[in-house]
Amino acid sequence: MNKYFILLFIVLITAIVSCNKPPGVTAPTSSRFHADSVAIIAKANQFRLEKEYDSAITLLDSAFLLPIQSNQHPDGLSPDDARRLMSYAIRHLMFAYNHSRRITEDTNISSGSER
C-alpha cells in the first residue's frame, strides 16, 4: 500500500509542476511523448521500490530516446519537459546504479567470507 501512495504522490507532483507554467507559455502540443515520459517515470519508480535496480536502469535509460519537438517530431517533448525528464532520469539512474552496485558488492563480500 505504501509504494502505491508514493507512486501516486510522484505522479501528482509531476502533474502540478507541469500545469504551473508562467503566463504567455503555451501548453505543450505533445500528449503522446509526454504520456510516455510519465509512464517511464512511474514504472521506474515501481522497479526502484521493488529493488529491481537493473530494470529501473534500463527503463530510465530509455527516457533519453524520447524526441524533442522539431519539424521532424512536432509531437515531441517541449524543451522544458525534456530538460526536466532528463534531470530526473539522471538523478534516479545514479541512485539505481549505486544501489545495484552495493547489492553486488555485498553479495561478493558475503560469498568471499564463507571460504
PDB file of N, CA and C in Angstrom:
ATOM      1  N   MET A   1       0.824  -1.194   0.000  1.00  0.00           N
ATOM      2  CA  MET A   1       0.000   0.000   0.000  1.00  0.00           C
ATOM      3  C   MET A   1       0.863   1.250   0.000  1.00  0.00           C
ATOM      4  N   ASN A   2       1.958   1.230   0.728  1.00  0.00           N
ATOM      5  CA  ASN A   2       2.830   2.390   0.851  1.00  0.00           C
ATOM      6  C   ASN A   2       3.466   2.753  -0.483  1.00  0.00           C
ATOM      7  N   LYS A   3       3.886   1.751  -1.269  1.00  0.00           N
ATOM      8  CA  LYS A   3       4.543   2.048  -2.541  1.00  0.00           C
ATOM      9  C   LYS A   3       3.566   2.676  -3.529  1.00  0.00           C
ATOM     10  N   TYR A   4       2.282   2.310  -3.472  1.00  0.00           N
ATOM     11  CA  TYR A   4       1.302   2.920  -4.359  1.00  0.00           C
ATOM     12  C   TYR A   4       1.038   4.370  -3.960  1.00  0.00           C
ATOM     13  N   PHE A   5       1.076   4.649  -2.687  1.00  0.00           N
ATOM     14  CA  PHE A   5       0.910   6.017  -2.229  1.00  0.00           C
ATOM     15  C   PHE A   5       2.059   6.893  -2.728  1.00  0.00           C
ATOM     16  N   ILE A   6       3.272   6.375  -2.640  1.00  0.00           N
ATOM     17  CA  ILE A   6       4.441   7.129  -3.109  1.00  0.00           C
ATOM     18  C   ILE A   6       4.355   7.357  -4.611  1.00  0.00           C
ATOM     19  N   LEU A   7       3.969   6.342  -5.367  1.00  0.00           N
ATOM     20  CA  LEU A   7       3.837   6.468  -6.817  1.00  0.00           C
ATOM     21  C   LEU A   7       2.774   7.503  -7.171  1.00  0.00           C
ATOM     22  N   LEU A   8       1.639   7.447  -6.500  1.00  0.00           N
ATOM     23  CA  LEU A   8       0.574   8.417  -6.735  1.00  0.00           C
ATOM     24  C   LEU A   8       1.044   9.824  -6.392  1.00  0.00           C
ATOM     25  N   PHE A   9       1.780   9.972  -5.307  1.00  0.00           N
ATOM     26  CA  PHE A   9       2.301  11.265  -4.891  1.00  0.00           C
ATOM     27  C   PHE A   9       3.245  11.834  -5.947  1.00  0.00           C
ATOM     28  N   ILE A  10       4.117  11.018  -6.501  1.00  0.00           N
ATOM     29  CA  ILE A  10       5.065  11.480  -7.520  1.00  0.00           C
ATOM     30  C   ILE A  10       4.337  11.907  -8.784  1.00  0.00           C
ATOM     31  N   VAL A  11       3.350  11.127  -9.204  1.00  0.00           N
ATOM     32  CA  VAL A  11       2.580  11.482 -10.400  1.00  0.00           C
ATOM     33  C   VAL A  11       1.819  12.781 -10.158  1.00  0.00           C
ATOM     34  N   LEU A  12       1.262  12.950  -8.968  1.00  0.00           N
ATOM     35  CA  LEU A  12       0.534  14.175  -8.633  1.00  0.00           C
ATOM     36  C   LEU A  12       1.453  15.389  -8.658  1.00  0.00           C
ATOM     37  N   ILE A  13       2.637  15.275  -8.078  1.00  0.00           N
ATOM     38  CA  ILE A  13       3.599  16.380  -8.075  1.00  0.00           C
ATOM     39  C   ILE A  13       4.013  16.716  -9.507  1.00  0.00           C
ATOM     40  N   THR A  14       4.245  15.698 -10.326  1.00  0.00           N
ATOM     41  CA  THR A  14       4.616  15.923 -11.726  1.00  0.00           C
ATOM     42  C   THR A  14       3.512  16.667 -12.456  1.00  0.00           C
ATOM     43  N   ALA A  15       2.266  16.288 -12.208  1.00  0.00           N
ATOM     44  CA  ALA A  15       1.140  16.958 -12.856  1.00  0.00           C
ATOM     45  C   ALA A  15       1.025  18.414 -12.407  1.00  0.00           C
ATOM     46  N   ILE A  16       1.217  18.665 -11.137  1.00  0.00           N
ATOM     47  CA  ILE A  16       1.129  20.036 -10.622  1.00  0.00           C
ATOM     48  C   ILE A  16       2.224  20.905 -11.213  1.00  0.00           C
ATOM     49  N   VAL A  17       3.439  20.393 -11.264  1.00  0.00           N
ATOM     50  CA  VAL A  17       4.558  21.159 -11.815  1.00  0.00           C
ATOM     51  C   VAL A  17       4.336  21.450 -13.289  1.00  0.00           C
ATOM     52  N   SER A  18       3.834  20.481 -14.039  1.00  0.00           N
ATOM     53  CA  SER A  18       3.645  20.700 -15.470  1.00  0.00           C
ATOM     54  C   SER A  18       2.484  21.654 -15.748  1.00  0.00           C
ATOM     55  N   CYS A  19       1.536  21.779 -14.823  1.00  0.00           N
ATOM     56  CA  CYS A  19       0.411  22.699 -15.016  1.00  0.00           C
ATOM     57  C   CYS A  19       0.762  24.136 -14.649  1.00  0.00           C
ATOM     58  N   ASN A  20       1.763  24.351 -13.840  1.00  0.00           N
ATOM     59  CA  ASN A  20       2.134  25.693 -13.395  1.00  0.00           C
ATOM     60  C   ASN A  20       3.158  26.304 -14.339  1.00  0.00           C
ATOM     61  N   LYS A  21       2.680  26.832 -15.449  1.00  0.00           N
ATOM     62  CA  LYS A  21       3.537  27.484 -16.434  1.00  0.00           C
ATOM     63  C   LYS A  21       3.437  29.004 -16.255  1.00  0.00           C
ATOM     64  N   PRO A  22       4.521  29.719 -16.539  1.00  0.00           N
ATOM     65  CA  PRO A  22       4.452  31.178 -16.479  1.00  0.00           C
ATOM     66  C   PRO A  22       3.472  31.716 -17.520  1.00  0.00           C
ATOM     67  N   PRO A  23       2.929  32.923 -17.301  1.00  0.00           N
ATOM     68  CA  PRO A  23       1.998  33.499 -18.272  1.00  0.00           C
ATOM     69  C   PRO A  23       2.674  33.645 -19.636  1.00  0.00           C
ATOM     70  N   GLY A  24       1.911  33.380 -20.676  1.00  0.00           N
ATOM     71  CA  GLY A  24       2.436  33.520 -22.031  1.00  0.00           C
ATOM     72  C   GLY A  24       3.051  32.248 -22.583  1.00  0.00           C
ATOM     73  N   VAL A  25       3.243  31.255 -21.750  1.00  0.00           N
ATOM     74  CA  VAL A  25       3.794  29.982 -22.213  1.00  0.00           C
ATOM     75  C   VAL A  25       2.631  29.077 -22.574  1.00  0.00           C
ATOM     76  N   THR A  26       2.660  28.562 -23.782  1.00  0.00           N
ATOM     77  CA  THR A  26       1.576  27.689 -24.206  1.00  0.00           C
ATOM     78  C   THR A  26       1.817  26.270 -23.715  1.00  0.00           C
ATOM     79  N   ALA A  27       0.750  25.538 -23.566  1.00  0.00           N
ATOM     80  CA  ALA A  27       0.856  24.138 -23.133  1.00  0.00           C
ATOM     81  C   ALA A  27       1.503  23.330 -24.244  1.00  0.00           C
ATOM     82  N   PRO A  28       2.255  22.301 -23.908  1.00  0.00           N
ATOM     83  CA  PRO A  28       2.894  21.502 -24.936  1.00  0.00           C
ATOM     84  C   PRO A  28       1.869  20.836 -25.837  1.00  0.00           C
ATOM     85  N   THR A  29       2.198  20.740 -27.114  1.00  0.00           N
ATOM     86  CA  THR A  29       1.283  20.124 -28.068  1.00  0.00           C
ATOM     87  C   THR A  29       1.371  18.612 -28.014  1.00  0.00           C
ATOM     88  N   SER A  30       2.400  18.104 -27.385  1.00  0.00           N
ATOM     89  CA  SER A  30       2.594  16.662 -27.345  1.00  0.00           C
ATOM     90  C   SER A  30       1.848  16.048 -26.186  1.00  0.00           C
ATOM     91  N   SER A  31       1.034  15.083 -26.478  1.00  0.00           N
ATOM     92  CA  SER A  31       0.447  14.320 -25.391  1.00  0.00           C
ATOM     93  C   SER A  31       1.015  12.905 -25.404  1.00  0.00           C
ATOM     94  N   ARG A  32       1.379  12.416 -26.584  1.00  0.00           N
ATOM     95  CA  ARG A  32       1.869  11.042 -26.690  1.00  0.00           C
ATOM     96  C   ARG A  32       3.207  10.857 -25.984  1.00  0.00           C
ATOM     97  N   PHE A  33       4.194  11.681 -26.321  1.00  0.00           N
ATOM     98  CA  PHE A  33       5.515  11.513 -25.728  1.00  0.00           C
ATOM     99  C   PHE A  33       5.547  12.000 -24.284  1.00  0.00           C
ATOM    100  N   HIS A  34       4.697  12.959 -23.950  1.00  0.00           N
ATOM    101  CA  HIS A  34       4.606  13.385 -22.555  1.00  0.00           C
ATOM    102  C   HIS A  34       4.048  12.233 -21.714  1.00  0.00           C
ATOM    103  N   ALA A  35       3.030  11.566 -22.231  1.00  0.00           N
ATOM    104  CA  ALA A  35       2.474  10.401 -21.535  1.00  0.00           C
ATOM    105  C   ALA A  35       3.519   9.294 -21.423  1.00  0.00           C
ATOM    106  N   ASP A  36       4.332   9.111 -22.464  1.00  0.00           N
ATOM    107  CA  ASP A  36       5.414   8.122 -22.417  1.00  0.00           C
ATOM    108  C   ASP A  36       6.405   8.462 -21.311  1.00  0.00           C
ATOM    109  N   SER A  37       6.736   9.746 -21.180  1.00  0.00           N
ATOM    110  CA  SER A  37       7.715  10.142 -20.165  1.00  0.00           C
ATOM    111  C   SER A  37       7.171   9.906 -18.760  1.00  0.00           C
ATOM    112  N   VAL A  38       5.892  10.188 -18.545  1.00  0.00           N
ATOM    113  CA  VAL A  38       5.281   9.947 -17.237  1.00  0.00           C
ATOM    114  C   VAL A  38       5.226   8.448 -16.959  1.00  0.00           C
ATOM    115  N   ALA A  39       4.936   7.645 -17.990  1.00  0.00           N
ATOM    116  CA  ALA A  39       4.897   6.188 -17.815  1.00  0.00           C
ATOM    117  C   ALA A  39       6.278   5.640 -17.462  1.00  0.00           C
ATOM    118  N   ILE A  40       7.315   6.182 -18.084  1.00  0.00           N
ATOM    119  CA  ILE A  40       8.685   5.754 -17.783  1.00  0.00           C
ATOM    120  C   ILE A  40       9.018   6.055 -16.328  1.00  0.00           C
ATOM    121  N   ILE A  41       8.694   7.260 -15.887  1.00  0.00           N
ATOM    122  CA  ILE A  41       8.976   7.658 -14.505  1.00  0.00           C
ATOM    123  C   ILE A  41       8.217   6.766 -13.522  1.00  0.00           C
ATOM    124  N   ALA A  42       6.946   6.540 -13.792  1.00  0.00           N
ATOM    125  CA  ALA A  42       6.128   5.742 -12.871  1.00  0.00           C
ATOM    126  C   ALA A  42       6.630   4.304 -12.784  1.00  0.00           C
ATOM    127  N   LYS A  43       6.918   3.692 -13.923  1.00  0.00           N
ATOM    128  CA  LYS A  43       7.378   2.307 -13.924  1.00  0.00           C
ATOM    129  C   LYS A  43       8.772   2.189 -13.303  1.00  0.00           C
ATOM    130  N   ALA A  44       9.636   3.151 -13.570  1.00  0.00           N
ATOM    131  CA  ALA A  44      10.974   3.131 -12.978  1.00  0.00           C
ATOM    132  C   ALA A  44      10.898   3.252 -11.457  1.00  0.00           C
ATOM    133  N   ASN A  45       9.993   4.086 -10.967  1.00  0.00           N
ATOM    134  CA  ASN A  45       9.810   4.209  -9.510  1.00  0.00           C
ATOM    135  C   ASN A  45       9.296   2.903  -8.919  1.00  0.00           C
ATOM    136  N   GLN A  46       8.413   2.235  -9.641  1.00  0.00           N
ATOM    137  CA  GLN A  46       7.913   0.951  -9.166  1.00  0.00           C
ATOM    138  C   GLN A  46       9.056  -0.065  -9.077  1.00  0.00           C
ATOM    139  N   PHE A  47       9.899  -0.119 -10.107  1.00  0.00           N
ATOM    140  CA  PHE A  47      11.056  -1.023 -10.071  1.00  0.00           C
ATOM    141  C   PHE A  47      11.985  -0.665  -8.912  1.00  0.00           C
ATOM    142  N   ARG A  48      12.198   0.630  -8.713  1.00  0.00           N
ATOM    143  CA  ARG A  48      13.096   1.071  -7.643  1.00  0.00           C
ATOM    144  C   ARG A  48      12.549   0.678  -6.276  1.00  0.00           C
ATOM    145  N   LEU A  49      11.240   0.828  -6.073  1.00  0.00           N
ATOM    146  CA  LEU A  49      10.625   0.453  -4.804  1.00  0.00           C
ATOM    147  C   LEU A  49      10.696  -1.054  -4.571  1.00  0.00           C
ATOM    148  N   GLU A  50      10.656  -1.822  -5.649  1.00  0.00           N
ATOM    149  CA  GLU A  50      10.745  -3.278  -5.551  1.00  0.00           C
ATOM    150  C   GLU A  50      12.196  -3.756  -5.549  1.00  0.00           C
ATOM    151  N   LYS A  51      13.127  -2.809  -5.527  1.00  0.00           N
ATOM    152  CA  LYS A  51      14.570  -3.077  -5.514  1.00  0.00           C
ATOM    153  C   LYS A  51      15.029  -3.875  -6.731  1.00  0.00           C
ATOM    154  N   GLU A  52      14.371  -3.650  -7.860  1.00  0.00           N
ATOM    155  CA  GLU A  52      14.782  -4.229  -9.137  1.00  0.00           C
ATOM    156  C   GLU A  52      15.555  -3.139  -9.890  1.00  0.00           C
ATOM    157  N   TYR A  53      16.755  -2.862  -9.402  1.00  0.00           N
ATOM    158  CA  TYR A  53      17.512  -1.713  -9.883  1.00  0.00           C
ATOM    159  C   TYR A  53      17.965  -1.869 -11.330  1.00  0.00           C
ATOM    160  N   ASP A  54      18.288  -3.076 -11.765  1.00  0.00           N
ATOM    161  CA  ASP A  54      18.708  -3.264 -13.158  1.00  0.00           C
ATOM    162  C   ASP A  54      17.568  -2.943 -14.125  1.00  0.00           C
ATOM    163  N   SER A  55      16.355  -3.325 -13.780  1.00  0.00           N
ATOM    164  CA  SER A  55      15.195  -2.999 -14.622  1.00  0.00           C
ATOM    165  C   SER A  55      14.940  -1.495 -14.629  1.00  0.00           C
ATOM    166  N   ALA A  56      15.106  -0.850 -13.471  1.00  0.00           N
ATOM    167  CA  ALA A  56      14.918   0.602 -13.389  1.00  0.00           C
ATOM    168  C   ALA A  56      15.958   1.321 -14.243  1.00  0.00           C
ATOM    169  N   ILE A  57      17.195   0.833 -14.221  1.00  0.00           N
ATOM    170  CA  ILE A  57      18.266   1.454 -15.017  1.00  0.00           C
ATOM    171  C   ILE A  57      17.939   1.362 -16.500  1.00  0.00           C
ATOM    172  N   THR A  58      17.520   0.195 -16.951  1.00  0.00           N
ATOM    173  CA  THR A  58      17.186   0.012 -18.367  1.00  0.00           C
ATOM    174  C   THR A  58      16.044   0.928 -18.779  1.00  0.00           C
ATOM    175  N   LEU A  59      15.028   1.026 -17.953  1.00  0.00           N
ATOM    176  CA  LEU A  59      13.870   1.856 -18.272  1.00  0.00           C
ATOM    177  C   LEU A  59      14.223   3.348 -18.269  1.00  0.00           C
ATOM    178  N   LEU A  60      14.947   3.795 -17.252  1.00  0.00           N
ATOM    179  CA  LEU A  60      15.329   5.207 -17.189  1.00  0.00           C
ATOM    180  C   LEU A  60      16.250   5.581 -18.342  1.00  0.00           C
ATOM    181  N   ASP A  61      17.065   4.642 -18.762  1.00  0.00           N
ATOM    182  CA  ASP A  61      17.948   4.880 -19.900  1.00  0.00           C
ATOM    183  C   ASP A  61      17.146   5.134 -21.175  1.00  0.00           C
ATOM    184  N   SER A  62      15.975   4.512 -21.292  1.00  0.00           N
ATOM    185  CA  SER A  62      15.144   4.700 -22.485  1.00  0.00           C
ATOM    186  C   SER A  62      14.530   6.099 -22.549  1.00  0.00           C
ATOM    187  N   ALA A  63      14.518   6.827 -21.433  1.00  0.00           N
ATOM    188  CA  ALA A  63      13.972   8.186 -21.435  1.00  0.00           C
ATOM    189  C   ALA A  63      14.758   9.102 -22.376  1.00  0.00           C
ATOM    190  N   PHE A  64      16.033   8.799 -22.583  1.00  0.00           N
ATOM    191  CA  PHE A  64      16.871   9.628 -23.435  1.00  0.00           C
ATOM    192  C   PHE A  64      16.575   9.426 -24.921  1.00  0.00           C
ATOM    193  N   LEU A  65      15.716   8.480 -25.256  1.00  0.00           N
ATOM    194  CA  LEU A  65      15.358   8.227 -26.652  1.00  0.00           C
ATOM    195  C   LEU A  65      14.107   8.982 -27.083  1.00  0.00           C
ATOM    196  N   LEU A  66      13.398   9.591 -26.136  1.00  0.00           N
ATOM    197  CA  LEU A  66      12.196  10.351 -26.490  1.00  0.00           C
ATOM    198  C   LEU A  66      12.589  11.626 -27.246  1.00  0.00           C
ATOM    199  N   PRO A  67      11.893  11.932 -28.345  1.00  0.00           N
ATOM    200  CA  PRO A  67      12.283  13.095 -29.154  1.00  0.00           C
ATOM    201  C   PRO A  67      11.833  14.423 -28.551  1.00  0.00           C
ATOM    202  N   ILE A  68      12.573  15.463 -28.924  1.00  0.00           N
ATOM    203  CA  ILE A  68      12.213  16.835 -28.566  1.00  0.00           C
ATOM    204  C   ILE A  68      11.487  17.440 -29.763  1.00  0.00           C
ATOM    205  N   GLN A  69      10.576  18.363 -29.505  1.00  0.00           N
ATOM    206  CA  GLN A  69       9.801  18.986 -30.584  1.00  0.00           C
ATOM    207  C   GLN A  69      10.707  19.561 -31.655  1.00  0.00           C
ATOM    208  N   SER A  70      10.408  19.226 -32.890  1.00  0.00           N
ATOM    209  CA  SER A  70      11.132  19.757 -34.043  1.00  0.00           C
ATOM    210  C   SER A  70      10.235  19.597 -35.261  1.00  0.00           C
ATOM    211  N   ASN A  71      10.756  19.978 -36.423  1.00  0.00           N
ATOM    212  CA  ASN A  71       9.978  19.791 -37.646  1.00  0.00           C
ATOM    213  C   ASN A  71       9.718  18.310 -37.907  1.00  0.00           C
ATOM    214  N   GLN A  72      10.697  17.476 -37.580  1.00  0.00           N
ATOM    215  CA  GLN A  72      10.535  16.037 -37.786  1.00  0.00           C
ATOM    216  C   GLN A  72       9.617  15.400 -36.749  1.00  0.00           C
ATOM    217  N   HIS A  73       9.599  15.952 -35.540  1.00  0.00           N
ATOM    218  CA  HIS A  73       8.783  15.422 -34.451  1.00  0.00           C
ATOM    219  C   HIS A  73       7.950  16.542 -33.826  1.00  0.00           C
ATOM    220  N   PRO A  74       6.869  16.966 -34.513  1.00  0.00           N
ATOM    221  CA  PRO A  74       6.058  18.044 -33.940  1.00  0.00           C
ATOM    222  C   PRO A  74       5.355  17.637 -32.648  1.00  0.00           C
ATOM    223  N   ASP A  75       5.219  16.342 -32.421  1.00  0.00           N
ATOM    224  CA  ASP A  75       4.565  15.879 -31.195  1.00  0.00           C
ATOM    225  C   ASP A  75       5.574  15.466 -30.122  1.00  0.00           C
ATOM    226  N   GLY A  76       6.835  15.859 -30.291  1.00  0.00           N
ATOM    227  CA  GLY A  76       7.873  15.536 -29.302  1.00  0.00           C
ATOM    228  C   GLY A  76       7.713  16.351 -28.039  1.00  0.00           C
ATOM    229  N   LEU A  77       8.560  16.067 -27.065  1.00  0.00           N
ATOM    230  CA  LEU A  77       8.523  16.795 -25.799  1.00  0.00           C
ATOM    231  C   LEU A  77       8.981  18.239 -26.000  1.00  0.00           C
ATOM    232  N   SER A  78       8.397  19.137 -25.236  1.00  0.00           N
ATOM    233  CA  SER A  78       8.880  20.514 -25.279  1.00  0.00           C
ATOM    234  C   SER A  78      10.277  20.529 -24.650  1.00  0.00           C
ATOM    235  N   PRO A  79      11.111  21.510 -24.999  1.00  0.00           N
ATOM    236  CA  PRO A  79      12.452  21.549 -24.407  1.00  0.00           C
ATOM    237  C   PRO A  79      12.449  21.570 -22.878  1.00  0.00           C
ATOM    238  N   ASP A  80      11.497  22.280 -22.276  1.00  0.00           N
ATOM    239  CA  ASP A  80      11.428  22.321 -20.808  1.00  0.00           C
ATOM    240  C   ASP A  80      11.048  20.963 -20.223  1.00  0.00           C
ATOM    241  N   ASP A  81      10.071  20.305 -20.849  1.00  0.00           N
ATOM    242  CA  ASP A  81       9.686  18.977 -20.373  1.00  0.00           C
ATOM    243  C   ASP A  81      10.828  17.982 -20.545  1.00  0.00           C
ATOM    244  N   ALA A  82      11.525  18.060 -21.650  1.00  0.00           N
ATOM    245  CA  ALA A  82      12.655  17.156 -21.898  1.00  0.00           C
ATOM    246  C   ALA A  82      13.765  17.404 -20.879  1.00  0.00           C
ATOM    247  N   ARG A  83      14.034  18.662 -20.584  1.00  0.00           N
ATOM    248  CA  ARG A  83      15.070  19.004 -19.610  1.00  0.00           C
ATOM    249  C   ARG A  83      14.716  18.446 -18.227  1.00  0.00           C
ATOM    250  N   ARG A  84      13.445  18.600 -17.828  1.00  0.00           N
ATOM    251  CA  ARG A  84      13.008  18.060 -16.534  1.00  0.00           C
ATOM    252  C   ARG A  84      13.112  16.534 -16.508  1.00  0.00           C
ATOM    253  N   LEU A  85      12.693  15.901 -17.600  1.00  0.00           N
ATOM    254  CA  LEU A  85      12.746  14.436 -17.662  1.00  0.00           C
ATOM    255  C   LEU A  85      14.184  13.939 -17.600  1.00  0.00           C
ATOM    256  N   MET A  86      15.074  14.579 -18.338  1.00  0.00           N
ATOM    257  CA  MET A  86      16.476  14.149 -18.337  1.00  0.00           C
ATOM    258  C   MET A  86      17.121  14.360 -16.965  1.00  0.00           C
ATOM    259  N   SER A  87      16.808  15.469 -16.319  1.00  0.00           N
ATOM    260  CA  SER A  87      17.337  15.730 -14.985  1.00  0.00           C
ATOM    261  C   SER A  87      16.861  14.659 -14.006  1.00  0.00           C
ATOM    262  N   TYR A  88      15.575  14.344 -14.065  1.00  0.00           N
ATOM    263  CA  TYR A  88      15.015  13.307 -13.206  1.00  0.00           C
ATOM    264  C   TYR A  88      15.664  11.952 -13.504  1.00  0.00           C
ATOM    265  N   ALA A  89      15.768  11.620 -14.787  1.00  0.00           N
ATOM    266  CA  ALA A  89      16.325  10.322 -15.184  1.00  0.00           C
ATOM    267  C   ALA A  89      17.777  10.184 -14.724  1.00  0.00           C
ATOM    268  N   ILE A  90      18.556  11.230 -14.871  1.00  0.00           N
ATOM    269  CA  ILE A  90      19.974  11.164 -14.461  1.00  0.00           C
ATOM    270  C   ILE A  90      20.086  10.946 -12.954  1.00  0.00           C
ATOM    271  N   ARG A  91      19.311  11.707 -12.171  1.00  0.00           N
ATOM    272  CA  ARG A  91      19.378  11.541 -10.718  1.00  0.00           C
ATOM    273  C   ARG A  91      19.005  10.127 -10.290  1.00  0.00           C
ATOM    274  N   HIS A  92      17.940   9.604 -10.873  1.00  0.00           N
ATOM    275  CA  HIS A  92      17.486   8.278 -10.473  1.00  0.00           C
ATOM    276  C   HIS A  92      18.329   7.166 -11.081  1.00  0.00           C
ATOM    277  N   LEU A  93      18.961   7.424 -12.222  1.00  0.00           N
ATOM    278  CA  LEU A  93      19.920   6.453 -12.758  1.00  0.00           C
ATOM    279  C   LEU A  93      21.106   6.307 -11.810  1.00  0.00           C
ATOM    280  N   MET A  94      21.605   7.430 -11.304  1.00  0.00           N
ATOM    281  CA  MET A  94      22.729   7.370 -10.362  1.00  0.00           C
ATOM    282  C   MET A  94      22.333   6.614  -9.097  1.00  0.00           C
ATOM    283  N   PHE A  95      21.138   6.887  -8.581  1.00  0.00           N
ATOM    284  CA  PHE A  95      20.654   6.202  -7.386  1.00  0.00           C
ATOM    285  C   PHE A  95      20.552   4.692  -7.629  1.00  0.00           C
ATOM    286  N   ALA A  96      19.897   4.310  -8.728  1.00  0.00           N
ATOM    287  CA  ALA A  96      19.700   2.884  -9.025  1.00  0.00           C
ATOM    288  C   ALA A  96      21.037   2.191  -9.282  1.00  0.00           C
ATOM    289  N   TYR A  97      21.931   2.865  -9.994  1.00  0.00           N
ATOM    290  CA  TYR A  97      23.234   2.265 -10.275  1.00  0.00           C
ATOM    291  C   TYR A  97      24.020   2.050  -8.976  1.00  0.00           C
ATOM    292  N   ASN A  98      24.039   3.044  -8.122  1.00  0.00           N
ATOM    293  CA  ASN A  98      24.760   2.906  -6.850  1.00  0.00           C
ATOM    294  C   ASN A  98      24.180   1.794  -5.986  1.00  0.00           C
ATOM    295  N   HIS A  99      22.855   1.674  -5.939  1.00  0.00           N
ATOM    296  CA  HIS A  99      22.248   0.612  -5.141  1.00  0.00           C
ATOM    297  C   HIS A  99      22.481  -0.759  -5.761  1.00  0.00           C
ATOM    298  N   SER A 100      22.411  -0.863  -7.074  1.00  0.00           N
ATOM    299  CA  SER A 100      22.650  -2.166  -7.707  1.00  0.00           C
ATOM    300  C   SER A 100      24.099  -2.582  -7.498  1.00  0.00           C
ATOM    301  N   ARG A 101      24.994  -1.629  -7.512  1.00  0.00           N
ATOM    302  CA  ARG A 101      26.408  -1.917  -7.280  1.00  0.00           C
ATOM    303  C   ARG A 101      26.639  -2.347  -5.835  1.00  0.00           C
ATOM    304  N   ARG A 102      25.956  -1.683  -4.904  1.00  0.00           N
ATOM    305  CA  ARG A 102      26.075  -2.027  -3.494  1.00  0.00           C
ATOM    306  C   ARG A 102      25.586  -3.451  -3.234  1.00  0.00           C
ATOM    307  N   ILE A 103      24.495  -3.819  -3.887  1.00  0.00           N
ATOM    308  CA  ILE A 103      23.956  -5.169  -3.719  1.00  0.00           C
ATOM    309  C   ILE A 103      24.955  -6.190  -4.250  1.00  0.00           C
ATOM    310  N   THR A 104      25.563  -5.909  -5.404  1.00  0.00           N
ATOM    311  CA  THR A 104      26.551  -6.805  -5.985  1.00  0.00           C
ATOM    312  C   THR A 104      27.765  -6.923  -5.073  1.00  0.00           C
ATOM    313  N   GLU A 105      28.241  -5.794  -4.537  1.00  0.00           N
ATOM    314  CA  GLU A 105      29.404  -5.814  -3.647  1.00  0.00           C
ATOM    315  C   GLU A 105      29.094  -6.575  -2.363  1.00  0.00           C
ATOM    316  N   ASP A 106      27.891  -6.381  -1.801  1.00  0.00           N
ATOM    317  CA  ASP A 106      27.509  -7.092  -0.592  1.00  0.00           C
ATOM    318  C   ASP A 106      27.460  -8.602  -0.845  1.00  0.00           C
ATOM    319  N   THR A 107      26.959  -8.993  -1.998  1.00  0.00           N
ATOM    320  CA  THR A 107      26.906 -10.411  -2.354  1.00  0.00           C
ATOM    321  C   THR A 107      28.301 -10.986  -2.484  1.00  0.00           C
ATOM    322  N   ASN A 108      29.187 -10.241  -3.133  1.00  0.00           N
ATOM    323  CA  ASN A 108      30.574 -10.704  -3.301  1.00  0.00           C
ATOM    324  C   ASN A 108      31.292 -10.801  -1.961  1.00  0.00           C
ATOM    325  N   ILE A 109      31.069  -9.853  -1.087  1.00  0.00           N
ATOM    326  CA  ILE A 109      31.723  -9.850   0.222  1.00  0.00           C
ATOM    327  C   ILE A 109      31.226 -11.035   1.050  1.00  0.00           C
ATOM    328  N   SER A 110      29.919 -11.247   1.063  1.00  0.00           N
ATOM    329  CA  SER A 110      29.384 -12.330   1.879  1.00  0.00           C
ATOM    330  C   SER A 110      29.790 -13.699   1.332  1.00  0.00           C
ATOM    331  N   SER A 111      29.872 -13.852   0.013  1.00  0.00           N
ATOM    332  CA  SER A 111      30.297 -15.135  -0.535  1.00  0.00           C
ATOM    333  C   SER A 111      31.798 -15.334  -0.356  1.00  0.00           C
ATOM    334  N   GLY A 112      32.562 -14.259  -0.302  1.00  0.00           N
ATOM    335  CA  GLY A 112      34.007 -14.354  -0.085  1.00  0.00           C
ATOM    336  C   GLY A 112      34.360 -14.682   1.336  1.00  0.00           C
ATOM    337  N   SER A 113      33.530 -14.276   2.289  1.00  0.00           N
ATOM    338  CA  SER A 113      33.832 -14.540   3.683  1.00  0.00           C
ATOM    339  C   SER A 113      33.513 -15.968   4.097  1.00  0.00           C
ATOM    340  N   GLU A 114      32.760 -16.669   3.253  1.00  0.00           N
ATOM    341  CA  GLU A 114      32.398 -18.051   3.590  1.00  0.00           C
ATOM    342  C   GLU A 114      33.491 -19.046   3.219  1.00  0.00           C
ATOM    343  N   ARG A 115      34.496 -18.592   2.523  1.00  0.00           N
ATOM    344  CA  ARG A 115      35.563 -19.507   2.080  1.00  0.00           C
ATOM    345  C   ARG A 115      36.406 -19.985   3.185  1.00  0.00           C
TER     346      ARG A 115
END
